């Protein structure tokens, strides 16, 4: 590990993404332990708990949210970044409450990930200024509401559809689409 480098864990079920990100982080002088599932990651980290972790929200059939507690048990000061291609306010709030340091939507390059983790910074990630806050569109607000109701119903699509007063198949089609951007 180069001087100034950190121990970083990468957990994602996409082996290509894991390899590319791990290689990019190693080139920047960091020691990287990577895996496609939590059990493997815990085994490869061994006694050397990482300082930082980059965890995908969806790992095969599991949730990256379930990985937060075991990782923090290794190192309570670990900064965990949850990455997802399907961001929602509900999962972001759940991740932060569970102990994640930050939450971000893919795609991000290695430099953006390091910036999100505030590696090298003495304080937490910088807050948005008043002039940088943009209101969400009506479509995005609807997406966020659906995600929150889905989370409240434990991921049960039928119960969520009943709560929202819509047909289950319509909701399923909506959930298969990529999230609405700001």
N, C-alpha and C. Protein backbone atom coordinates (compact mmCIF):
# COMPACT_ATOMS: atom_id res chain seq x y z
N UNK A 1 0.86 -1.18 0.00
CA UNK A 1 0.00 0.00 0.00
C UNK A 1 0.89 1.24 0.00
N UNK A 2 0.61 2.18 -0.88
CA UNK A 2 1.40 3.39 -0.98
C UNK A 2 1.14 4.30 0.22
N UNK A 3 2.10 5.18 0.47
CA UNK A 3 1.94 6.11 1.58
C UNK A 3 0.69 6.96 1.33
N UNK A 4 -0.13 7.10 2.34
CA UNK A 4 -1.36 7.87 2.20
C UNK A 4 -2.53 7.05 1.70
N UNK A 5 -2.27 5.78 1.33
CA UNK A 5 -3.33 4.92 0.84
C UNK A 5 -4.18 4.38 1.98
N UNK A 6 -5.35 3.93 1.64
CA UNK A 6 -6.30 3.41 2.63
C UNK A 6 -6.67 1.98 2.28
N UNK A 7 -7.23 1.28 3.26
CA UNK A 7 -7.77 -0.06 3.01
C UNK A 7 -9.24 0.11 2.62
N UNK A 8 -9.57 -0.37 1.43
CA UNK A 8 -10.93 -0.20 0.90
C UNK A 8 -11.49 -1.56 0.51
N UNK A 9 -12.73 -1.82 0.91
CA UNK A 9 -13.44 -3.04 0.52
C UNK A 9 -14.45 -2.69 -0.57
N UNK A 10 -14.54 -3.54 -1.59
CA UNK A 10 -15.50 -3.34 -2.67
C UNK A 10 -16.39 -4.58 -2.73
N UNK A 11 -17.70 -4.37 -2.65
CA UNK A 11 -18.67 -5.47 -2.65
C UNK A 11 -19.75 -5.19 -3.69
N UNK A 12 -19.76 -6.01 -4.74
CA UNK A 12 -20.73 -5.87 -5.82
C UNK A 12 -20.86 -7.23 -6.49
N UNK A 13 -22.06 -7.57 -6.96
CA UNK A 13 -22.23 -8.87 -7.60
C UNK A 13 -21.81 -8.87 -9.07
N UNK A 14 -21.42 -7.72 -9.60
CA UNK A 14 -20.94 -7.62 -10.98
C UNK A 14 -19.41 -7.76 -10.98
N UNK A 15 -18.88 -8.92 -11.39
CA UNK A 15 -17.43 -9.13 -11.30
C UNK A 15 -16.62 -8.16 -12.15
N UNK A 16 -17.15 -7.73 -13.28
CA UNK A 16 -16.43 -6.78 -14.13
C UNK A 16 -16.31 -5.43 -13.43
N UNK A 17 -17.40 -4.95 -12.84
CA UNK A 17 -17.38 -3.69 -12.11
C UNK A 17 -16.39 -3.76 -10.95
N UNK A 18 -16.43 -4.86 -10.21
CA UNK A 18 -15.54 -5.03 -9.06
C UNK A 18 -14.08 -4.97 -9.51
N UNK A 19 -13.75 -5.69 -10.56
CA UNK A 19 -12.36 -5.73 -11.03
C UNK A 19 -11.89 -4.38 -11.54
N UNK A 20 -12.72 -3.70 -12.32
CA UNK A 20 -12.34 -2.38 -12.86
C UNK A 20 -12.16 -1.37 -11.74
N UNK A 21 -13.11 -1.33 -10.80
CA UNK A 21 -13.01 -0.38 -9.69
C UNK A 21 -11.81 -0.70 -8.80
N UNK A 22 -11.61 -1.97 -8.49
CA UNK A 22 -10.48 -2.36 -7.64
C UNK A 22 -9.16 -1.97 -8.29
N UNK A 23 -9.03 -2.21 -9.59
CA UNK A 23 -7.81 -1.84 -10.31
C UNK A 23 -7.59 -0.33 -10.27
N UNK A 24 -8.64 0.44 -10.49
CA UNK A 24 -8.53 1.91 -10.48
C UNK A 24 -8.12 2.42 -9.10
N UNK A 25 -8.69 1.82 -8.05
CA UNK A 25 -8.34 2.25 -6.68
C UNK A 25 -6.91 1.86 -6.33
N UNK A 26 -6.48 0.69 -6.78
CA UNK A 26 -5.08 0.26 -6.53
C UNK A 26 -4.10 1.20 -7.22
N UNK A 27 -4.44 1.63 -8.44
CA UNK A 27 -3.57 2.57 -9.16
C UNK A 27 -3.46 3.91 -8.43
N UNK A 28 -4.43 4.21 -7.60
CA UNK A 28 -4.40 5.46 -6.82
C UNK A 28 -3.74 5.25 -5.46
N UNK A 29 -3.14 4.06 -5.26
CA UNK A 29 -2.35 3.81 -4.06
C UNK A 29 -3.08 3.20 -2.89
N UNK A 30 -4.27 2.67 -3.11
CA UNK A 30 -5.06 2.09 -2.02
C UNK A 30 -4.96 0.57 -2.04
N UNK A 31 -5.07 -0.02 -0.85
CA UNK A 31 -5.13 -1.48 -0.72
C UNK A 31 -6.61 -1.86 -0.84
N UNK A 32 -6.92 -2.74 -1.78
CA UNK A 32 -8.31 -3.07 -2.07
C UNK A 32 -8.56 -4.56 -1.88
N UNK A 33 -9.62 -4.87 -1.16
CA UNK A 33 -10.14 -6.23 -1.03
C UNK A 33 -11.51 -6.23 -1.68
N UNK A 34 -11.71 -7.12 -2.65
CA UNK A 34 -12.96 -7.11 -3.40
C UNK A 34 -13.61 -8.47 -3.39
N UNK A 35 -14.95 -8.48 -3.48
CA UNK A 35 -15.70 -9.73 -3.50
C UNK A 35 -17.07 -9.50 -4.12
N UNK A 36 -17.70 -10.62 -4.46
CA UNK A 36 -19.04 -10.56 -5.04
C UNK A 36 -20.14 -10.92 -4.05
N UNK A 37 -19.76 -11.28 -2.83
CA UNK A 37 -20.75 -11.54 -1.77
C UNK A 37 -20.11 -11.23 -0.42
N UNK A 38 -20.95 -11.01 0.58
CA UNK A 38 -20.48 -10.58 1.90
C UNK A 38 -19.59 -11.61 2.57
N UNK A 39 -19.96 -12.88 2.50
CA UNK A 39 -19.16 -13.92 3.16
C UNK A 39 -17.74 -13.95 2.63
N UNK A 40 -17.60 -13.84 1.31
CA UNK A 40 -16.26 -13.83 0.70
C UNK A 40 -15.49 -12.59 1.13
N UNK A 41 -16.16 -11.46 1.15
CA UNK A 41 -15.49 -10.22 1.54
C UNK A 41 -14.99 -10.30 2.98
N UNK A 42 -15.81 -10.81 3.87
CA UNK A 42 -15.40 -10.94 5.28
C UNK A 42 -14.21 -11.90 5.40
N UNK A 43 -14.19 -12.93 4.58
CA UNK A 43 -13.09 -13.88 4.61
C UNK A 43 -11.79 -13.26 4.07
N UNK A 44 -11.86 -12.51 2.96
CA UNK A 44 -10.64 -11.96 2.37
C UNK A 44 -10.08 -10.77 3.15
N UNK A 45 -10.94 -10.07 3.88
CA UNK A 45 -10.42 -8.95 4.68
C UNK A 45 -9.63 -9.45 5.87
N UNK A 46 -9.99 -10.62 6.39
CA UNK A 46 -9.26 -11.20 7.50
C UNK A 46 -9.23 -10.29 8.71
N UNK A 47 -8.07 -10.23 9.35
CA UNK A 47 -7.93 -9.42 10.57
C UNK A 47 -7.78 -7.94 10.26
N UNK A 48 -7.49 -7.60 9.00
CA UNK A 48 -7.29 -6.21 8.61
C UNK A 48 -8.61 -5.60 8.16
N UNK A 49 -9.33 -5.00 9.08
CA UNK A 49 -10.61 -4.38 8.75
C UNK A 49 -10.38 -3.18 7.85
N UNK A 50 -11.19 -3.05 6.80
CA UNK A 50 -11.04 -1.89 5.91
C UNK A 50 -11.45 -0.59 6.59
N UNK A 51 -10.90 0.51 6.08
CA UNK A 51 -11.26 1.84 6.56
C UNK A 51 -12.52 2.34 5.85
N UNK A 52 -12.70 1.85 4.62
CA UNK A 52 -13.79 2.29 3.75
C UNK A 52 -14.39 1.07 3.06
N UNK A 53 -15.67 1.17 2.69
CA UNK A 53 -16.32 0.10 1.93
C UNK A 53 -17.24 0.72 0.88
N UNK A 54 -17.22 0.10 -0.28
CA UNK A 54 -18.10 0.50 -1.38
C UNK A 54 -19.00 -0.71 -1.63
N UNK A 55 -20.30 -0.55 -1.39
CA UNK A 55 -21.23 -1.67 -1.40
C UNK A 55 -22.38 -1.37 -2.36
N UNK A 56 -22.67 -2.32 -3.25
CA UNK A 56 -23.81 -2.18 -4.15
C UNK A 56 -25.10 -2.41 -3.35
N UNK A 57 -26.16 -1.70 -3.71
CA UNK A 57 -27.43 -1.87 -2.99
C UNK A 57 -28.03 -3.25 -3.23
N UNK A 58 -27.91 -3.75 -4.46
CA UNK A 58 -28.45 -5.08 -4.78
C UNK A 58 -27.29 -6.00 -5.08
N UNK A 59 -27.13 -7.01 -4.25
CA UNK A 59 -26.08 -8.01 -4.43
C UNK A 59 -26.77 -9.33 -4.67
N UNK A 60 -26.88 -9.73 -5.94
CA UNK A 60 -27.62 -10.92 -6.34
C UNK A 60 -29.03 -10.82 -5.77
N UNK A 61 -29.41 -11.74 -4.91
CA UNK A 61 -30.75 -11.71 -4.30
C UNK A 61 -30.75 -10.98 -2.96
N UNK A 62 -29.59 -10.56 -2.48
CA UNK A 62 -29.49 -9.91 -1.17
C UNK A 62 -29.54 -8.39 -1.32
N UNK A 63 -29.51 -7.72 -0.18
CA UNK A 63 -29.50 -6.27 -0.16
C UNK A 63 -28.20 -5.78 0.47
N UNK A 64 -27.62 -4.77 -0.15
CA UNK A 64 -26.42 -4.17 0.41
C UNK A 64 -26.68 -3.55 1.77
N UNK A 65 -27.94 -3.22 2.05
CA UNK A 65 -28.29 -2.65 3.35
C UNK A 65 -28.02 -3.65 4.47
N UNK A 66 -28.18 -4.93 4.17
CA UNK A 66 -27.93 -5.98 5.17
C UNK A 66 -26.44 -6.17 5.44
N UNK A 67 -25.59 -5.60 4.60
CA UNK A 67 -24.13 -5.74 4.75
C UNK A 67 -23.54 -4.66 5.65
N UNK A 68 -24.30 -3.60 5.91
CA UNK A 68 -23.77 -2.47 6.66
C UNK A 68 -23.38 -2.88 8.08
N UNK A 69 -24.27 -3.53 8.81
CA UNK A 69 -23.99 -3.91 10.21
C UNK A 69 -22.78 -4.83 10.33
N UNK A 70 -22.68 -5.91 9.53
CA UNK A 70 -21.48 -6.76 9.65
C UNK A 70 -20.17 -6.03 9.33
N UNK A 71 -20.22 -5.11 8.38
CA UNK A 71 -19.02 -4.35 8.05
C UNK A 71 -18.65 -3.39 9.18
N UNK A 72 -19.64 -2.74 9.75
CA UNK A 72 -19.37 -1.84 10.88
C UNK A 72 -18.90 -2.60 12.11
N UNK A 73 -19.27 -3.88 12.22
CA UNK A 73 -18.79 -4.69 13.33
C UNK A 73 -17.28 -4.92 13.21
N UNK A 74 -16.79 -4.96 11.98
CA UNK A 74 -15.33 -5.10 11.76
C UNK A 74 -14.59 -3.84 12.20
N UNK A 75 -15.17 -2.69 11.86
CA UNK A 75 -14.55 -1.40 12.14
C UNK A 75 -15.67 -0.36 12.29
N UNK A 76 -16.02 0.03 13.51
CA UNK A 76 -17.13 0.97 13.72
C UNK A 76 -16.90 2.34 13.07
N UNK A 77 -15.66 2.67 12.77
CA UNK A 77 -15.37 3.96 12.14
C UNK A 77 -15.35 3.87 10.62
N UNK A 78 -15.67 2.70 10.07
CA UNK A 78 -15.63 2.51 8.61
C UNK A 78 -16.64 3.42 7.93
N UNK A 79 -16.21 4.03 6.84
CA UNK A 79 -17.11 4.84 6.01
C UNK A 79 -17.60 3.96 4.88
N UNK A 80 -18.92 3.76 4.83
CA UNK A 80 -19.52 2.89 3.83
C UNK A 80 -20.30 3.72 2.84
N UNK A 81 -19.99 3.51 1.55
CA UNK A 81 -20.72 4.17 0.47
C UNK A 81 -21.60 3.13 -0.20
N UNK A 82 -22.90 3.37 -0.22
CA UNK A 82 -23.84 2.49 -0.89
C UNK A 82 -24.02 3.03 -2.31
N UNK A 83 -23.78 2.17 -3.31
CA UNK A 83 -23.97 2.54 -4.71
C UNK A 83 -25.19 1.81 -5.26
N UNK A 84 -25.94 2.46 -6.13
CA UNK A 84 -27.09 1.82 -6.73
C UNK A 84 -27.40 2.43 -8.09
N UNK A 85 -27.97 1.63 -8.94
CA UNK A 85 -28.47 2.11 -10.21
C UNK A 85 -29.92 2.53 -10.11
N UNK A 86 -30.54 2.23 -8.97
CA UNK A 86 -31.96 2.52 -8.77
C UNK A 86 -32.14 3.29 -7.46
N UNK A 87 -31.70 4.51 -7.44
CA UNK A 87 -31.73 5.32 -6.22
C UNK A 87 -33.15 5.77 -5.88
N UNK A 88 -33.40 5.83 -4.58
CA UNK A 88 -34.65 6.41 -4.09
C UNK A 88 -34.35 7.02 -2.72
N UNK A 89 -35.15 7.99 -2.35
CA UNK A 89 -34.98 8.64 -1.06
C UNK A 89 -35.18 7.63 0.06
N UNK A 90 -36.15 6.73 -0.10
CA UNK A 90 -36.45 5.76 0.95
C UNK A 90 -35.25 4.87 1.24
N UNK A 91 -34.60 4.33 0.20
CA UNK A 91 -33.44 3.47 0.46
C UNK A 91 -32.24 4.28 0.93
N UNK A 92 -32.14 5.52 0.48
CA UNK A 92 -31.04 6.37 0.94
C UNK A 92 -31.17 6.63 2.44
N UNK A 93 -32.37 6.96 2.88
CA UNK A 93 -32.61 7.21 4.30
C UNK A 93 -32.35 5.95 5.11
N UNK A 94 -32.82 4.82 4.62
CA UNK A 94 -32.60 3.55 5.32
C UNK A 94 -31.11 3.25 5.44
N UNK A 95 -30.36 3.48 4.36
CA UNK A 95 -28.92 3.22 4.36
C UNK A 95 -28.20 4.10 5.38
N UNK A 96 -28.52 5.38 5.39
CA UNK A 96 -27.86 6.31 6.31
C UNK A 96 -28.23 5.97 7.76
N UNK A 97 -29.49 5.64 8.00
CA UNK A 97 -29.91 5.26 9.36
C UNK A 97 -29.21 3.98 9.82
N UNK A 98 -28.92 3.08 8.87
CA UNK A 98 -28.25 1.82 9.21
C UNK A 98 -26.76 2.01 9.47
N UNK A 99 -26.23 3.19 9.11
CA UNK A 99 -24.82 3.46 9.40
C UNK A 99 -23.95 3.75 8.20
N UNK A 100 -24.54 3.78 7.00
CA UNK A 100 -23.74 4.12 5.82
C UNK A 100 -23.31 5.59 5.89
N UNK A 101 -22.14 5.88 5.36
CA UNK A 101 -21.62 7.24 5.36
C UNK A 101 -22.28 8.07 4.26
N UNK A 102 -22.49 7.45 3.09
CA UNK A 102 -23.10 8.15 1.97
C UNK A 102 -23.79 7.15 1.06
N UNK A 103 -24.54 7.68 0.12
CA UNK A 103 -25.36 6.90 -0.80
C UNK A 103 -25.26 7.60 -2.14
N UNK A 104 -25.00 6.86 -3.22
CA UNK A 104 -24.85 7.50 -4.52
C UNK A 104 -25.41 6.64 -5.63
N UNK A 105 -25.79 7.29 -6.71
CA UNK A 105 -26.33 6.61 -7.87
C UNK A 105 -25.22 6.35 -8.88
N UNK A 106 -25.19 5.13 -9.40
CA UNK A 106 -24.23 4.77 -10.44
C UNK A 106 -24.61 5.49 -11.73
N UNK A 107 -23.72 5.73 -12.62
CA UNK A 107 -22.30 5.37 -12.60
C UNK A 107 -21.46 6.47 -11.95
N UNK A 108 -20.44 6.05 -11.24
CA UNK A 108 -19.43 6.95 -10.68
C UNK A 108 -18.06 6.39 -11.03
N UNK A 109 -17.10 7.26 -11.30
CA UNK A 109 -15.74 6.76 -11.53
C UNK A 109 -15.00 6.73 -10.19
N UNK A 110 -13.79 6.19 -10.21
CA UNK A 110 -13.02 6.00 -8.97
C UNK A 110 -12.79 7.32 -8.23
N UNK A 111 -12.50 8.39 -8.96
CA UNK A 111 -12.27 9.68 -8.31
C UNK A 111 -13.53 10.21 -7.64
N UNK A 112 -14.67 10.04 -8.29
CA UNK A 112 -15.93 10.48 -7.69
C UNK A 112 -16.25 9.66 -6.43
N UNK A 113 -15.95 8.38 -6.47
CA UNK A 113 -16.19 7.51 -5.31
C UNK A 113 -15.30 7.95 -4.15
N UNK A 114 -14.03 8.21 -4.43
CA UNK A 114 -13.11 8.66 -3.38
C UNK A 114 -13.57 10.00 -2.80
N UNK A 115 -14.07 10.85 -3.66
CA UNK A 115 -14.59 12.14 -3.19
C UNK A 115 -15.82 11.94 -2.31
N UNK A 116 -16.73 11.03 -2.71
CA UNK A 116 -17.93 10.75 -1.91
C UNK A 116 -17.55 10.21 -0.53
N UNK A 117 -16.52 9.37 -0.48
CA UNK A 117 -16.08 8.81 0.80
C UNK A 117 -15.27 9.83 1.61
N UNK A 118 -14.97 10.97 1.01
CA UNK A 118 -14.19 12.03 1.68
C UNK A 118 -12.85 11.49 2.16
N UNK A 119 -12.22 10.66 1.33
CA UNK A 119 -10.91 10.11 1.69
C UNK A 119 -9.90 11.24 1.68
N UNK A 120 -9.21 11.35 2.79
CA UNK A 120 -8.23 12.42 2.94
C UNK A 120 -8.81 13.66 3.59
N UNK A 121 -10.13 13.73 3.69
CA UNK A 121 -10.76 14.90 4.31
C UNK A 121 -10.87 14.68 5.81
N UNK A 122 -10.76 15.73 6.56
CA UNK A 122 -10.85 15.64 8.02
C UNK A 122 -12.30 15.61 8.49
N UNK A 123 -13.21 16.11 7.66
CA UNK A 123 -14.61 16.20 8.06
C UNK A 123 -15.47 15.40 7.10
N UNK A 124 -16.74 15.40 7.37
CA UNK A 124 -17.68 14.69 6.51
C UNK A 124 -17.75 15.36 5.15
N UNK A 125 -18.42 14.71 4.23
CA UNK A 125 -18.57 15.23 2.88
C UNK A 125 -19.23 16.61 2.93
N UNK A 126 -18.82 17.51 2.04
CA UNK A 126 -19.38 18.86 2.07
C UNK A 126 -20.87 18.87 1.77
N UNK A 127 -21.57 19.73 2.48
CA UNK A 127 -23.01 19.87 2.29
C UNK A 127 -23.28 20.75 1.08
N UNK A 128 -24.45 20.56 0.48
CA UNK A 128 -24.83 21.40 -0.64
C UNK A 128 -25.11 22.82 -0.16
N UNK A 129 -24.72 23.78 -0.95
CA UNK A 129 -25.02 25.16 -0.64
C UNK A 129 -26.46 25.47 -0.98
N UNK A 130 -26.96 26.56 -0.46
CA UNK A 130 -28.34 26.95 -0.72
C UNK A 130 -28.63 27.07 -2.22
N UNK A 131 -27.66 27.59 -2.99
CA UNK A 131 -27.88 27.80 -4.42
C UNK A 131 -27.79 26.51 -5.23
N UNK A 132 -27.32 25.40 -4.64
CA UNK A 132 -27.17 24.14 -5.36
C UNK A 132 -28.38 23.22 -5.22
N UNK A 133 -29.31 23.53 -4.33
CA UNK A 133 -30.47 22.67 -4.10
C UNK A 133 -31.49 22.92 -5.20
N UNK A 134 -31.88 21.83 -5.88
CA UNK A 134 -32.85 21.93 -6.95
C UNK A 134 -34.10 21.16 -6.53
N UNK A 135 -35.28 21.73 -6.71
CA UNK A 135 -36.49 21.00 -6.36
C UNK A 135 -36.66 19.80 -7.29
N UNK A 136 -37.27 18.73 -6.76
CA UNK A 136 -37.50 17.53 -7.56
C UNK A 136 -38.70 17.73 -8.47
N UNK A 137 -38.67 17.07 -9.63
CA UNK A 137 -39.80 17.13 -10.55
C UNK A 137 -40.96 16.33 -9.98
N UNK A 138 -42.15 16.56 -10.53
CA UNK A 138 -43.34 15.83 -10.08
C UNK A 138 -43.16 14.34 -10.35
N UNK A 139 -42.58 13.97 -11.49
CA UNK A 139 -42.35 12.56 -11.80
C UNK A 139 -41.39 11.93 -10.81
N UNK A 140 -40.34 12.68 -10.42
CA UNK A 140 -39.38 12.14 -9.46
C UNK A 140 -40.02 12.00 -8.08
N UNK A 141 -40.85 12.98 -7.69
CA UNK A 141 -41.55 12.89 -6.41
C UNK A 141 -42.47 11.67 -6.37
N UNK A 142 -43.15 11.39 -7.50
CA UNK A 142 -44.02 10.22 -7.57
C UNK A 142 -43.19 8.95 -7.41
N UNK A 143 -42.03 8.89 -8.08
CA UNK A 143 -41.13 7.73 -7.97
C UNK A 143 -40.69 7.54 -6.51
N UNK A 144 -40.32 8.63 -5.85
CA UNK A 144 -39.88 8.57 -4.46
C UNK A 144 -41.01 8.07 -3.56
N UNK A 145 -42.22 8.56 -3.82
CA UNK A 145 -43.37 8.13 -3.01
C UNK A 145 -43.61 6.63 -3.17
N UNK A 146 -43.58 6.15 -4.40
CA UNK A 146 -43.77 4.72 -4.66
C UNK A 146 -42.69 3.91 -3.93
N UNK A 147 -41.44 4.36 -3.98
CA UNK A 147 -40.36 3.65 -3.32
C UNK A 147 -40.55 3.62 -1.80
N UNK A 148 -41.02 4.74 -1.24
CA UNK A 148 -41.25 4.80 0.20
C UNK A 148 -42.37 3.84 0.61
N UNK A 149 -43.47 3.83 -0.15
CA UNK A 149 -44.59 2.93 0.16
C UNK A 149 -44.16 1.47 -0.02
N UNK A 150 -43.35 1.19 -1.05
CA UNK A 150 -42.83 -0.16 -1.26
C UNK A 150 -41.97 -0.59 -0.08
N UNK A 151 -41.14 0.30 0.42
CA UNK A 151 -40.30 -0.01 1.57
C UNK A 151 -41.16 -0.24 2.82
N UNK A 152 -42.19 0.57 3.01
CA UNK A 152 -43.09 0.42 4.15
C UNK A 152 -43.82 -0.92 4.11
N UNK A 153 -44.05 -1.45 2.89
CA UNK A 153 -44.73 -2.73 2.74
C UNK A 153 -43.75 -3.88 2.61
N UNK A 154 -42.51 -3.67 2.99
CA UNK A 154 -41.51 -4.73 2.99
C UNK A 154 -41.21 -5.29 1.61
N UNK A 155 -41.36 -4.47 0.57
CA UNK A 155 -41.08 -4.93 -0.78
C UNK A 155 -42.22 -5.70 -1.43
N UNK A 156 -43.35 -5.81 -0.76
CA UNK A 156 -44.51 -6.54 -1.28
C UNK A 156 -45.22 -5.67 -2.31
N UNK A 157 -45.14 -6.07 -3.59
CA UNK A 157 -45.71 -5.28 -4.68
C UNK A 157 -47.23 -5.24 -4.60
N UNK A 158 -47.86 -6.36 -4.26
CA UNK A 158 -49.33 -6.40 -4.19
C UNK A 158 -49.85 -5.46 -3.10
N UNK A 159 -49.23 -5.50 -1.92
CA UNK A 159 -49.66 -4.63 -0.82
C UNK A 159 -49.40 -3.17 -1.18
N UNK A 160 -48.28 -2.90 -1.85
CA UNK A 160 -47.96 -1.53 -2.26
C UNK A 160 -48.99 -1.02 -3.25
N UNK A 161 -49.35 -1.86 -4.22
CA UNK A 161 -50.35 -1.46 -5.22
C UNK A 161 -51.68 -1.14 -4.54
N UNK A 162 -52.08 -1.98 -3.57
CA UNK A 162 -53.33 -1.70 -2.84
C UNK A 162 -53.23 -0.37 -2.09
N UNK A 163 -52.09 -0.13 -1.44
CA UNK A 163 -51.90 1.13 -0.70
C UNK A 163 -51.96 2.34 -1.61
N UNK A 164 -51.45 2.19 -2.82
CA UNK A 164 -51.42 3.31 -3.77
C UNK A 164 -52.69 3.41 -4.61
N UNK A 165 -53.55 2.40 -4.50
CA UNK A 165 -54.80 2.42 -5.28
C UNK A 165 -54.56 2.21 -6.76
N UNK A 166 -53.61 1.35 -7.11
CA UNK A 166 -53.33 1.09 -8.51
C UNK A 166 -53.29 -0.41 -8.75
N UNK A 167 -53.34 -0.78 -10.00
CA UNK A 167 -53.29 -2.19 -10.36
C UNK A 167 -51.87 -2.71 -10.17
N UNK A 168 -51.75 -3.94 -9.68
CA UNK A 168 -50.44 -4.53 -9.39
C UNK A 168 -49.55 -4.58 -10.62
N UNK A 169 -50.10 -4.98 -11.78
CA UNK A 169 -49.28 -5.08 -13.00
C UNK A 169 -48.78 -3.71 -13.44
N UNK A 170 -49.56 -2.68 -13.25
CA UNK A 170 -49.12 -1.32 -13.59
C UNK A 170 -47.94 -0.94 -12.71
N UNK A 171 -48.03 -1.23 -11.43
CA UNK A 171 -46.94 -0.93 -10.52
C UNK A 171 -45.69 -1.74 -10.89
N UNK A 172 -45.87 -3.01 -11.23
CA UNK A 172 -44.72 -3.83 -11.62
C UNK A 172 -44.01 -3.24 -12.84
N UNK A 173 -44.78 -2.79 -13.82
CA UNK A 173 -44.18 -2.16 -15.01
C UNK A 173 -43.42 -0.90 -14.63
N UNK A 174 -43.99 -0.11 -13.74
CA UNK A 174 -43.32 1.13 -13.31
C UNK A 174 -42.00 0.81 -12.59
N UNK A 175 -42.00 -0.24 -11.77
CA UNK A 175 -40.81 -0.58 -11.00
C UNK A 175 -39.71 -1.16 -11.88
N UNK A 176 -40.05 -1.71 -13.04
CA UNK A 176 -39.05 -2.27 -13.93
C UNK A 176 -38.28 -1.19 -14.69
N UNK A 177 -38.85 0.00 -14.76
CA UNK A 177 -38.18 1.11 -15.45
C UNK A 177 -37.11 1.71 -14.58
N UNK A 178 -36.17 2.38 -15.21
CA UNK A 178 -35.12 3.09 -14.46
C UNK A 178 -35.76 4.26 -13.74
N UNK A 179 -35.20 4.64 -12.59
CA UNK A 179 -35.78 5.76 -11.84
C UNK A 179 -35.73 7.07 -12.64
N UNK A 180 -36.68 7.91 -12.35
CA UNK A 180 -36.77 9.21 -12.99
C UNK A 180 -35.65 10.09 -12.46
N UNK A 181 -34.94 10.76 -13.35
CA UNK A 181 -33.90 11.70 -12.91
C UNK A 181 -34.56 12.94 -12.35
N UNK A 182 -33.80 13.72 -11.61
CA UNK A 182 -34.27 14.96 -10.99
C UNK A 182 -35.24 15.64 -11.90
